[in-house]
Amino acid sequence: MQVDPVLNGEEDGELPLINMSRLLYIQHLQEEAMKLGLACQEWGFFQLVNHGISDEVIERMKCEIQGFFQLPLQEKKTYAQKPRSVEGYGQTFDLSEDP
């Protein structure tokens, strides 16, 4: 499944793209894994393409996420993060010791 990426990662300031299908084939694994590592180190996130998830599922998830963030704060707080957890509604400030 080929996906037209939102951003191509080729120009400065654009979100890096990681191609899932290239991570699954040994002949491309090292190069794509290196791109993944750099994206994590330099950006902290990336756009994953060619992952096999249908556009329909992605759109449904976007709608659900948008709906959640439109809820009143008190309702969102019922899904608050528990102490020392990275799951749930809220913020996690994890300070890295890496430069």
PDB file of N, CA and C in Angstrom:
ATOM      1  N   MET A   1       0.847  -1.182   0.000  1.00  0.00           N
ATOM      2  CA  MET A   1       0.000   0.000   0.000  1.00  0.00           C
ATOM      3  C   MET A   1       0.885   1.235   0.000  1.00  0.00           C
ATOM      4  N   GLN A   2       0.815   2.048  -1.007  1.00  0.00           N
ATOM      5  CA  GLN A   2       1.577   3.288  -1.069  1.00  0.00           C
ATOM      6  C   GLN A   2       0.722   4.411  -0.503  1.00  0.00           C
ATOM      7  N   VAL A   3       1.312   5.225   0.345  1.00  0.00           N
ATOM      8  CA  VAL A   3       0.601   6.321   0.975  1.00  0.00           C
ATOM      9  C   VAL A   3       1.255   7.617   0.549  1.00  0.00           C
ATOM     10  N   ASP A   4       0.455   8.591   0.173  1.00  0.00           N
ATOM     11  CA  ASP A   4       0.995   9.909  -0.112  1.00  0.00           C
ATOM     12  C   ASP A   4       1.234  10.605   1.215  1.00  0.00           C
ATOM     13  N   PRO A   5       2.473  10.849   1.566  1.00  0.00           N
ATOM     14  CA  PRO A   5       2.764  11.468   2.858  1.00  0.00           C
ATOM     15  C   PRO A   5       2.328  12.924   2.899  1.00  0.00           C
ATOM     16  N   VAL A   6       2.007  13.375   4.094  1.00  0.00           N
ATOM     17  CA  VAL A   6       1.653  14.770   4.295  1.00  0.00           C
ATOM     18  C   VAL A   6       2.889  15.638   4.088  1.00  0.00           C
ATOM     19  N   LEU A   7       3.980  15.215   4.644  1.00  0.00           N
ATOM     20  CA  LEU A   7       5.251  15.916   4.519  1.00  0.00           C
ATOM     21  C   LEU A   7       6.296  14.919   4.078  1.00  0.00           C
ATOM     22  N   ASN A   8       7.234  15.348   3.257  1.00  0.00           N
ATOM     23  CA  ASN A   8       8.155  14.367   2.702  1.00  0.00           C
ATOM     24  C   ASN A   8       9.488  14.248   3.416  1.00  0.00           C
ATOM     25  N   GLY A   9       9.808  15.142   4.335  1.00  0.00           N
ATOM     26  CA  GLY A   9      11.035  15.015   5.096  1.00  0.00           C
ATOM     27  C   GLY A   9      12.297  15.298   4.317  1.00  0.00           C
ATOM     28  N   GLU A  10      12.189  15.717   3.074  1.00  0.00           N
ATOM     29  CA  GLU A  10      13.367  15.952   2.250  1.00  0.00           C
ATOM     30  C   GLU A  10      13.915  17.362   2.415  1.00  0.00           C
ATOM     31  N   GLU A  11      13.101  18.303   2.818  1.00  0.00           N
ATOM     32  CA  GLU A  11      13.532  19.683   2.951  1.00  0.00           C
ATOM     33  C   GLU A  11      13.639  20.034   4.426  1.00  0.00           C
ATOM     34  N   ASP A  12      14.494  21.007   4.736  1.00  0.00           N
ATOM     35  CA  ASP A  12      14.634  21.449   6.121  1.00  0.00           C
ATOM     36  C   ASP A  12      13.283  21.870   6.677  1.00  0.00           C
ATOM     37  N   GLY A  13      13.031  21.509   7.921  1.00  0.00           N
ATOM     38  CA  GLY A  13      11.811  21.900   8.577  1.00  0.00           C
ATOM     39  C   GLY A  13      10.631  20.992   8.322  1.00  0.00           C
ATOM     40  N   GLU A  14      10.812  19.952   7.544  1.00  0.00           N
ATOM     41  CA  GLU A  14       9.702  19.044   7.283  1.00  0.00           C
ATOM     42  C   GLU A  14       9.863  17.769   8.098  1.00  0.00           C
ATOM     43  N   LEU A  15       8.756  17.265   8.546  1.00  0.00           N
ATOM     44  CA  LEU A  15       8.699  16.076   9.380  1.00  0.00           C
ATOM     45  C   LEU A  15       9.341  14.877   8.687  1.00  0.00           C
ATOM     46  N   PRO A  16      10.215  14.148   9.379  1.00  0.00           N
ATOM     47  CA  PRO A  16      10.842  12.973   8.763  1.00  0.00           C
ATOM     48  C   PRO A  16       9.828  11.861   8.495  1.00  0.00           C
ATOM     49  N   LEU A  17      10.018  11.175   7.385  1.00  0.00           N
ATOM     50  CA  LEU A  17       9.183  10.033   7.021  1.00  0.00           C
ATOM     51  C   LEU A  17       9.932   8.744   7.287  1.00  0.00           C
ATOM     52  N   ILE A  18       9.249   7.781   7.879  1.00  0.00           N
ATOM     53  CA  ILE A  18       9.798   6.444   8.063  1.00  0.00           C
ATOM     54  C   ILE A  18       8.876   5.488   7.319  1.00  0.00           C
ATOM     55  N   ASN A  19       9.472   4.694   6.449  1.00  0.00           N
ATOM     56  CA  ASN A  19       8.722   3.772   5.607  1.00  0.00           C
ATOM     57  C   ASN A  19       8.707   2.397   6.275  1.00  0.00           C
ATOM     58  N   MET A  20       7.569   2.023   6.823  1.00  0.00           N
ATOM     59  CA  MET A  20       7.431   0.754   7.537  1.00  0.00           C
ATOM     60  C   MET A  20       7.792  -0.436   6.660  1.00  0.00           C
ATOM     61  N   SER A  21       7.405  -0.391   5.400  1.00  0.00           N
ATOM     62  CA  SER A  21       7.690  -1.530   4.525  1.00  0.00           C
ATOM     63  C   SER A  21       9.194  -1.732   4.351  1.00  0.00           C
ATOM     64  N   ARG A  22       9.968  -0.656   4.407  1.00  0.00           N
ATOM     65  CA  ARG A  22      11.427  -0.785   4.282  1.00  0.00           C
ATOM     66  C   ARG A  22      12.047  -1.381   5.555  1.00  0.00           C
ATOM     67  N   LEU A  23      11.385  -1.207   6.684  1.00  0.00           N
ATOM     68  CA  LEU A  23      11.883  -1.798   7.931  1.00  0.00           C
ATOM     69  C   LEU A  23      11.676  -3.311   7.961  1.00  0.00           C
ATOM     70  N   LEU A  24      10.813  -3.814   7.102  1.00  0.00           N
ATOM     71  CA  LEU A  24      10.488  -5.240   7.100  1.00  0.00           C
ATOM     72  C   LEU A  24      11.356  -6.066   6.153  1.00  0.00           C
ATOM     73  N   TYR A  25      12.183  -5.413   5.366  1.00  0.00           N
ATOM     74  CA  TYR A  25      13.031  -6.121   4.402  1.00  0.00           C
ATOM     75  C   TYR A  25      14.493  -5.886   4.724  1.00  0.00           C
ATOM     76  N   ILE A  26      15.227  -6.976   4.874  1.00  0.00           N
ATOM     77  CA  ILE A  26      16.616  -6.924   5.318  1.00  0.00           C
ATOM     78  C   ILE A  26      17.483  -6.012   4.462  1.00  0.00           C
ATOM     79  N   GLN A  27      17.211  -5.944   3.149  1.00  0.00           N
ATOM     80  CA  GLN A  27      18.056  -5.138   2.270  1.00  0.00           C
ATOM     81  C   GLN A  27      17.891  -3.632   2.520  1.00  0.00           C
ATOM     82  N   HIS A  28      16.800  -3.218   3.173  1.00  0.00           N
ATOM     83  CA  HIS A  28      16.564  -1.797   3.452  1.00  0.00           C
ATOM     84  C   HIS A  28      16.584  -1.482   4.948  1.00  0.00           C
ATOM     85  N   LEU A  29      16.629  -2.502   5.768  1.00  0.00           N
ATOM     86  CA  LEU A  29      16.469  -2.332   7.210  1.00  0.00           C
ATOM     87  C   LEU A  29      17.481  -1.371   7.814  1.00  0.00           C
ATOM     88  N   GLN A  30      18.747  -1.554   7.539  1.00  0.00           N
ATOM     89  CA  GLN A  30      19.781  -0.734   8.174  1.00  0.00           C
ATOM     90  C   GLN A  30      19.607   0.747   7.836  1.00  0.00           C
ATOM     91  N   GLU A  31      19.382   1.043   6.566  1.00  0.00           N
ATOM     92  CA  GLU A  31      19.216   2.442   6.146  1.00  0.00           C
ATOM     93  C   GLU A  31      17.985   3.077   6.797  1.00  0.00           C
ATOM     94  N   GLU A  32      16.866   2.350   6.786  1.00  0.00           N
ATOM     95  CA  GLU A  32      15.629   2.915   7.340  1.00  0.00           C
ATOM     96  C   GLU A  32      15.709   3.015   8.859  1.00  0.00           C
ATOM     97  N   ALA A  33      16.355   2.043   9.497  1.00  0.00           N
ATOM     98  CA  ALA A  33      16.530   2.093  10.953  1.00  0.00           C
ATOM     99  C   ALA A  33      17.399   3.287  11.345  1.00  0.00           C
ATOM    100  N   MET A  34      18.395   3.604  10.532  1.00  0.00           N
ATOM    101  CA  MET A  34      19.239   4.763  10.794  1.00  0.00           C
ATOM    102  C   MET A  34      18.408   6.051  10.689  1.00  0.00           C
ATOM    103  N   LYS A  35      17.546   6.124   9.676  1.00  0.00           N
ATOM    104  CA  LYS A  35      16.651   7.278   9.535  1.00  0.00           C
ATOM    105  C   LYS A  35      15.720   7.394  10.743  1.00  0.00           C
ATOM    106  N   LEU A  36      15.228   6.251  11.211  1.00  0.00           N
ATOM    107  CA  LEU A  36      14.343   6.236  12.371  1.00  0.00           C
ATOM    108  C   LEU A  36      15.069   6.767  13.604  1.00  0.00           C
ATOM    109  N   GLY A  37      16.286   6.298  13.823  1.00  0.00           N
ATOM    110  CA  GLY A  37      17.065   6.761  14.967  1.00  0.00           C
ATOM    111  C   GLY A  37      17.316   8.257  14.922  1.00  0.00           C
ATOM    112  N   LEU A  38      17.694   8.759  13.758  1.00  0.00           N
ATOM    113  CA  LEU A  38      17.934  10.196  13.613  1.00  0.00           C
ATOM    114  C   LEU A  38      16.655  11.003  13.825  1.00  0.00           C
ATOM    115  N   ALA A  39      15.540  10.495  13.308  1.00  0.00           N
ATOM    116  CA  ALA A  39      14.264  11.191  13.493  1.00  0.00           C
ATOM    117  C   ALA A  39      13.923  11.293  14.978  1.00  0.00           C
ATOM    118  N   CYS A  40      14.150  10.223  15.709  1.00  0.00           N
ATOM    119  CA  CYS A  40      13.856  10.227  17.144  1.00  0.00           C
ATOM    120  C   CYS A  40      14.788  11.168  17.901  1.00  0.00           C
ATOM    121  N   GLN A  41      16.064  11.152  17.546  1.00  0.00           N
ATOM    122  CA  GLN A  41      17.038  12.004  18.232  1.00  0.00           C
ATOM    123  C   GLN A  41      16.848  13.479  17.910  1.00  0.00           C
ATOM    124  N   GLU A  42      16.626  13.786  16.634  1.00  0.00           N
ATOM    125  CA  GLU A  42      16.599  15.177  16.209  1.00  0.00           C
ATOM    126  C   GLU A  42      15.215  15.820  16.281  1.00  0.00           C
ATOM    127  N   TRP A  43      14.165  15.022  16.105  1.00  0.00           N
ATOM    128  CA  TRP A  43      12.811  15.559  16.087  1.00  0.00           C
ATOM    129  C   TRP A  43      11.980  15.112  17.284  1.00  0.00           C
ATOM    130  N   GLY A  44      12.164  13.863  17.697  1.00  0.00           N
ATOM    131  CA  GLY A  44      11.337  13.307  18.756  1.00  0.00           C
ATOM    132  C   GLY A  44      10.070  12.650  18.237  1.00  0.00           C
ATOM    133  N   PHE A  45       9.834  12.731  16.947  1.00  0.00           N
ATOM    134  CA  PHE A  45       8.685  12.076  16.322  1.00  0.00           C
ATOM    135  C   PHE A  45       8.900  12.034  14.817  1.00  0.00           C
ATOM    136  N   PHE A  46       7.997  11.345  14.121  1.00  0.00           N
ATOM    137  CA  PHE A  46       8.128  11.157  12.677  1.00  0.00           C
ATOM    138  C   PHE A  46       6.779  10.734  12.120  1.00  0.00           C
ATOM    139  N   GLN A  47       6.656  10.745  10.799  1.00  0.00           N
ATOM    140  CA  GLN A  47       5.452  10.235  10.138  1.00  0.00           C
ATOM    141  C   GLN A  47       5.769   8.853   9.594  1.00  0.00           C
ATOM    142  N   LEU A  48       4.979   7.871   9.977  1.00  0.00           N
ATOM    143  CA  LEU A  48       5.148   6.497   9.510  1.00  0.00           C
ATOM    144  C   LEU A  48       4.241   6.274   8.304  1.00  0.00           C
ATOM    145  N   VAL A  49       4.821   5.802   7.197  1.00  0.00           N
ATOM    146  CA  VAL A  49       4.049   5.533   5.982  1.00  0.00           C
ATOM    147  C   VAL A  49       4.207   4.069   5.596  1.00  0.00           C
ATOM    148  N   ASN A  50       3.321   3.612   4.720  1.00  0.00           N
ATOM    149  CA  ASN A  50       3.318   2.226   4.235  1.00  0.00           C
ATOM    150  C   ASN A  50       3.252   1.212   5.379  1.00  0.00           C
ATOM    151  N   HIS A  51       2.344   1.488   6.315  1.00  0.00           N
ATOM    152  CA  HIS A  51       2.164   0.648   7.500  1.00  0.00           C
ATOM    153  C   HIS A  51       1.018  -0.335   7.346  1.00  0.00           C
ATOM    154  N   GLY A  52       0.211  -0.183   6.311  1.00  0.00           N
ATOM    155  CA  GLY A  52      -0.873  -1.121   6.060  1.00  0.00           C
ATOM    156  C   GLY A  52      -2.181  -0.805   6.761  1.00  0.00           C
ATOM    157  N   ILE A  53      -2.242   0.274   7.522  1.00  0.00           N
ATOM    158  CA  ILE A  53      -3.491   0.659   8.183  1.00  0.00           C
ATOM    159  C   ILE A  53      -4.314   1.466   7.187  1.00  0.00           C
ATOM    160  N   SER A  54      -5.559   1.089   7.018  1.00  0.00           N
ATOM    161  CA  SER A  54      -6.397   1.722   5.995  1.00  0.00           C
ATOM    162  C   SER A  54      -6.678   3.186   6.329  1.00  0.00           C
ATOM    163  N   ASP A  55      -6.903   3.958   5.284  1.00  0.00           N
ATOM    164  CA  ASP A  55      -7.256   5.367   5.457  1.00  0.00           C
ATOM    165  C   ASP A  55      -8.534   5.508   6.274  1.00  0.00           C
ATOM    166  N   GLU A  56      -9.459   4.566   6.106  1.00  0.00           N
ATOM    167  CA  GLU A  56     -10.724   4.606   6.845  1.00  0.00           C
ATOM    168  C   GLU A  56     -10.478   4.505   8.354  1.00  0.00           C
ATOM    169  N   VAL A  57      -9.636   3.589   8.760  1.00  0.00           N
ATOM    170  CA  VAL A  57      -9.326   3.428  10.186  1.00  0.00           C
ATOM    171  C   VAL A  57      -8.631   4.678  10.718  1.00  0.00           C
ATOM    172  N   ILE A  58      -7.696   5.211   9.960  1.00  0.00           N
ATOM    173  CA  ILE A  58      -6.978   6.421  10.383  1.00  0.00           C
ATOM    174  C   ILE A  58      -7.951   7.582  10.553  1.00  0.00           C
ATOM    175  N   GLU A  59      -8.859   7.761   9.623  1.00  0.00           N
ATOM    176  CA  GLU A  59      -9.839   8.852   9.712  1.00  0.00           C
ATOM    177  C   GLU A  59     -10.762   8.671  10.912  1.00  0.00           C
ATOM    178  N   ARG A  60     -11.191   7.429  11.182  1.00  0.00           N
ATOM    179  CA  ARG A  60     -12.036   7.171  12.364  1.00  0.00           C
ATOM    180  C   ARG A  60     -11.288   7.518  13.646  1.00  0.00           C
ATOM    181  N   MET A  61     -10.006   7.156  13.699  1.00  0.00           N
ATOM    182  CA  MET A  61      -9.205   7.476  14.884  1.00  0.00           C
ATOM    183  C   MET A  61      -9.064   8.984  15.063  1.00  0.00           C
ATOM    184  N   LYS A  62      -8.832   9.697  13.973  1.00  0.00           N
ATOM    185  CA  LYS A  62      -8.730  11.160  14.052  1.00  0.00           C
ATOM    186  C   LYS A  62     -10.017  11.759  14.606  1.00  0.00           C
ATOM    187  N   CYS A  63     -11.159  11.260  14.153  1.00  0.00           N
ATOM    188  CA  CYS A  63     -12.454  11.754  14.641  1.00  0.00           C
ATOM    189  C   CYS A  63     -12.625  11.466  16.125  1.00  0.00           C
ATOM    190  N   GLU A  64     -12.255  10.264  16.549  1.00  0.00           N
ATOM    191  CA  GLU A  64     -12.362   9.901  17.967  1.00  0.00           C
ATOM    192  C   GLU A  64     -11.456  10.781  18.828  1.00  0.00           C
ATOM    193  N   ILE A  65     -10.249  11.011  18.357  1.00  0.00           N
ATOM    194  CA  ILE A  65      -9.302  11.852  19.100  1.00  0.00           C
ATOM    195  C   ILE A  65      -9.834  13.275  19.204  1.00  0.00           C
ATOM    196  N   GLN A  66     -10.306  13.804  18.090  1.00  0.00           N
ATOM    197  CA  GLN A  66     -10.858  15.154  18.089  1.00  0.00           C
ATOM    198  C   GLN A  66     -12.046  15.241  19.048  1.00  0.00           C
ATOM    199  N   GLY A  67     -12.894  14.227  19.027  1.00  0.00           N
ATOM    200  CA  GLY A  67     -14.036  14.198  19.932  1.00  0.00           C
ATOM    201  C   GLY A  67     -13.613  14.195  21.389  1.00  0.00           C
ATOM    202  N   PHE A  68     -12.575  13.431  21.711  1.00  0.00           N
ATOM    203  CA  PHE A  68     -12.093  13.395  23.089  1.00  0.00           C
ATOM    204  C   PHE A  68     -11.639  14.780  23.539  1.00  0.00           C
ATOM    205  N   PHE A  69     -10.865  15.461  22.711  1.00  0.00           N
ATOM    206  CA  PHE A  69     -10.326  16.757  23.113  1.00  0.00           C
ATOM    207  C   PHE A  69     -11.379  17.854  23.135  1.00  0.00           C
ATOM    208  N   GLN A  70     -12.554  17.589  22.596  1.00  0.00           N
ATOM    209  CA  GLN A  70     -13.655  18.542  22.683  1.00  0.00           C
ATOM    210  C   GLN A  70     -14.499  18.323  23.936  1.00  0.00           C
ATOM    211  N   LEU A  71     -14.225  17.258  24.675  1.00  0.00           N
ATOM    212  CA  LEU A  71     -14.956  16.994  25.916  1.00  0.00           C
ATOM    213  C   LEU A  71     -14.623  18.064  26.951  1.00  0.00           C
ATOM    214  N   PRO A  72     -15.532  18.289  27.908  1.00  0.00           N
ATOM    215  CA  PRO A  72     -15.223  19.203  29.011  1.00  0.00           C
ATOM    216  C   PRO A  72     -14.026  18.672  29.813  1.00  0.00           C
ATOM    217  N   LEU A  73     -13.264  19.581  30.378  1.00  0.00           N
ATOM    218  CA  LEU A  73     -12.059  19.216  31.119  1.00  0.00           C
ATOM    219  C   LEU A  73     -12.346  18.187  32.211  1.00  0.00           C
ATOM    220  N   GLN A  74     -13.433  18.364  32.941  1.00  0.00           N
ATOM    221  CA  GLN A  74     -13.745  17.428  34.025  1.00  0.00           C
ATOM    222  C   GLN A  74     -13.917  16.005  33.506  1.00  0.00           C
ATOM    223  N   GLU A  75     -14.516  15.860  32.341  1.00  0.00           N
ATOM    224  CA  GLU A  75     -14.693  14.524  31.775  1.00  0.00           C
ATOM    225  C   GLU A  75     -13.355  13.941  31.321  1.00  0.00           C
ATOM    226  N   LYS A  76     -12.508  14.777  30.722  1.00  0.00           N
ATOM    227  CA  LYS A  76     -11.184  14.304  30.300  1.00  0.00           C
ATOM    228  C   LYS A  76     -10.349  13.882  31.507  1.00  0.00           C
ATOM    229  N   LYS A  77     -10.530  14.573  32.629  1.00  0.00           N
ATOM    230  CA  LYS A  77      -9.754  14.251  33.829  1.00  0.00           C
ATOM    231  C   LYS A  77     -10.053  12.853  34.360  1.00  0.00           C
ATOM    232  N   THR A  78     -11.194  12.278  33.984  1.00  0.00           N
ATOM    233  CA  THR A  78     -11.486  10.909  34.422  1.00  0.00           C
ATOM    234  C   THR A  78     -10.527   9.913  33.770  1.00  0.00           C
ATOM    235  N   TYR A  79      -9.825  10.355  32.740  1.00  0.00           N
ATOM    236  CA  TYR A  79      -8.834   9.515  32.053  1.00  0.00           C
ATOM    237  C   TYR A  79      -7.410   9.972  32.371  1.00  0.00           C
ATOM    238  N   ALA A  80      -7.233  10.652  33.477  1.00  0.00           N
ATOM    239  CA  ALA A  80      -5.932  11.237  33.831  1.00  0.00           C
ATOM    240  C   ALA A  80      -4.858  10.172  34.029  1.00  0.00           C
ATOM    241  N   GLN A  81      -3.634  10.593  33.776  1.00  0.00           N
ATOM    242  CA  GLN A  81      -2.489   9.708  34.005  1.00  0.00           C
ATOM    243  C   GLN A  81      -2.372   9.377  35.482  1.00  0.00           C
ATOM    244  N   LYS A  82      -2.015   8.163  35.742  1.00  0.00           N
ATOM    245  CA  LYS A  82      -1.703   7.763  37.106  1.00  0.00           C
ATOM    246  C   LYS A  82      -0.234   8.110  37.359  1.00  0.00           C
ATOM    247  N   PRO A  83       0.155   8.334  38.607  1.00  0.00           N
ATOM    248  CA  PRO A  83       1.560   8.664  38.893  1.00  0.00           C
ATOM    249  C   PRO A  83       2.517   7.628  38.296  1.00  0.00           C
ATOM    250  N   ARG A  84       3.605   8.095  37.745  1.00  0.00           N
ATOM    251  CA  ARG A  84       4.668   7.281  37.137  1.00  0.00           C
ATOM    252  C   ARG A  84       4.181   6.468  35.934  1.00  0.00           C
ATOM    253  N   SER A  85       3.121   6.915  35.298  1.00  0.00           N
ATOM    254  CA  SER A  85       2.598   6.239  34.108  1.00  0.00           C
ATOM    255  C   SER A  85       2.722   7.167  32.904  1.00  0.00           C
ATOM    256  N   VAL A  86       2.867   6.588  31.735  1.00  0.00           N
ATOM    257  CA  VAL A  86       2.888   7.390  30.511  1.00  0.00           C
ATOM    258  C   VAL A  86       1.552   7.296  29.780  1.00  0.00           C
ATOM    259  N   GLU A  87       0.615   6.544  30.326  1.00  0.00           N
ATOM    260  CA  GLU A  87      -0.694   6.377  29.701  1.00  0.00           C
ATOM    261  C   GLU A  87      -1.722   7.253  30.392  1.00  0.00           C
ATOM    262  N   GLY A  88      -2.635   7.778  29.604  1.00  0.00           N
ATOM    263  CA  GLY A  88      -3.711   8.581  30.149  1.00  0.00           C
ATOM    264  C   GLY A  88      -3.613  10.029  29.719  1.00  0.00           C
ATOM    265  N   TYR A  89      -4.644  10.791  30.063  1.00  0.00           N
ATOM    266  CA  TYR A  89      -4.721  12.199  29.699  1.00  0.00           C
ATOM    267  C   TYR A  89      -3.834  13.013  30.621  1.00  0.00           C
ATOM    268  N   GLY A  90      -3.017  13.848  30.055  1.00  0.00           N
ATOM    269  CA  GLY A  90      -2.143  14.708  30.839  1.00  0.00           C
ATOM    270  C   GLY A  90      -0.814  14.899  30.153  1.00  0.00           C
ATOM    271  N   GLN A  91       0.186  15.214  30.939  1.00  0.00           N
ATOM    272  CA  GLN A  91       1.516  15.481  30.406  1.00  0.00           C
ATOM    273  C   GLN A  91       2.532  14.595  31.098  1.00  0.00           C
ATOM    274  N   THR A  92       3.509  14.194  30.344  1.00  0.00           N
ATOM    275  CA  THR A  92       4.635  13.471  30.909  1.00  0.00           C
ATOM    276  C   THR A  92       5.885  14.250  30.570  1.00  0.00           C
ATOM    277  N   PHE A  93       6.574  14.701  31.566  1.00  0.00           N
ATOM    278  CA  PHE A  93       7.841  15.380  31.345  1.00  0.00           C
ATOM    279  C   PHE A  93       8.940  14.421  31.753  1.00  0.00           C
ATOM    280  N   ASP A  94       9.532  13.789  30.769  1.00  0.00           N
ATOM    281  CA  ASP A  94      10.597  12.824  31.005  1.00  0.00           C
ATOM    282  C   ASP A  94      11.894  13.458  30.548  1.00  0.00           C
ATOM    283  N   LEU A  95      12.696  13.893  31.498  1.00  0.00           N
ATOM    284  CA  LEU A  95      13.949  14.551  31.155  1.00  0.00           C
ATOM    285  C   LEU A  95      15.005  13.516  30.824  1.00  0.00           C
ATOM    286  N   SER A  96      15.558  13.638  29.653  1.00  0.00           N
ATOM    287  CA  SER A  96      16.599  12.723  29.202  1.00  0.00           C
ATOM    288  C   SER A  96      17.953  13.226  29.657  1.00  0.00           C
ATOM    289  N   GLU A  97      18.846  12.306  29.938  1.00  0.00           N
ATOM    290  CA  GLU A  97      20.207  12.688  30.293  1.00  0.00           C
ATOM    291  C   GLU A  97      21.091  12.777  29.068  1.00  0.00           C
ATOM    292  N   ASP A  98      20.560  12.416  27.899  1.00  0.00           N
ATOM    293  CA  ASP A  98      21.320  12.529  26.657  1.00  0.00           C
ATOM    294  C   ASP A  98      21.437  14.000  26.279  1.00  0.00           C
ATOM    295  N   PRO A  99      22.563  14.376  25.645  1.00  0.00           N
ATOM    296  CA  PRO A  99      22.714  15.792  25.250  1.00  0.00           C
ATOM    297  C   PRO A  99      21.738  16.182  24.165  1.00  0.00           C
TER     298      PRO A  99
END
